[in-house]
Each structure stands twice: as C-alpha cells, then as structure tokens.
Amino acid sequence: MVYLLDKKDLEILKNQFEDFKRQFTQSINDRLRHAVELTHSADMRDLSAMNLEVSGLTDRLPVIVDAAINIQDAAIIMSEQHVSSILVTDKNKLVGLLTDKDLRIRCIATGLSYSKPVSSVMSTDLETVLDKTLLSEALLLMTKNKIHHLPVLRGDEPIGILTTADV
C-alpha cells in the first residue's frame, strides 16, 4: 500500500495517533520481524524477516474449491472458514482465486446470479510464488502488481495464500 501525504499532515497524524506513529516510525523489516515473532518459535526470532521463505508465513492450508461450484456456495465456504480468499481448481489444477473484492465487484454490485459458477467471477490472471521464495521477493511482486493475495505453491500444489494481512 502506498500513501501520498504531505509531510506536515504526516507529522500531525503521527503526533495524534500512537499506532500511526509506530507504523511510520518502524522500518518494514522491524514490523515484519515483530509479526514473525508473534507467530514463530523463539529460535527463529534472530532471523531477518525479509530473508524468510514465504512458506514460513503461510501457517494455514488454503481453502480450495472446484471451478464448477456456484458463487453462493463459495461465499458460504469463505464465511465458514473465516477467509477472505479461496483458491479455485479445475481437475486439480489451480485456475483462479476468489476474493471478497471479486464477490463485491463482479457479483453483488452487478446483480449477477449467485447460482453462476465461481469461475465466472474469480480472478484468473494469477501471480504465484513457490514456497522457497523469499518474503522480500514476494512483497516486491505484490507491490509491483498491486495484489493482496498471492498463492504459494510447492511444485504445482497450492500450500497457502500470502496476504497483505500476513505481512
């Protein structure tokens, strides 16, 4: 995410809100290291977060549905699993990603029938990374392509989704 603020406005916000100040005072490396510390064991705390492999940040198996499932059933699964995105496969091959944003923009806002297949609203032009990819590389890819959900693969098999919330 990129913020475009006047320096004066930035200083005012930093003085008024402690969380805002912390966000813009700490380096991204410090923020990532802190996030890793919260989710990993003590023996990993001395590692630089930017040198971590993305597999270390995807601690949950991805929710995967078939491309033929209807939109409503996919949304129900997302709600039940408490996730903002799911991977979509066809014949066990990753073919798409469905996010809350896809549902809002391509389905609800357009009045599309919820009985349509999820493949009609999913994102298909996917960027993916392998599990051994460094976090720094994944973040560059996400920033460059303005994406918030990045499927993580081991070979051809999806093993997780790295999200902006993870980092």
Foldseek 3Di string as FASTA:
>chain_A
DDDDDDPVVLVVVVVVDVVSVVVVVDDVQVVQLVLLPVPDDPVCSVDGQQQDFCLSLFPDFFAEEEQQAFQVVVVVVCVVVVHQKHFYDHPQFTFFMDGVVLCVPVDVVVPHDRRGGPNSRTDGPADEEERRDGNNVVVVVCVVVVHFWHFYHHVRHTGGIHGPVSD
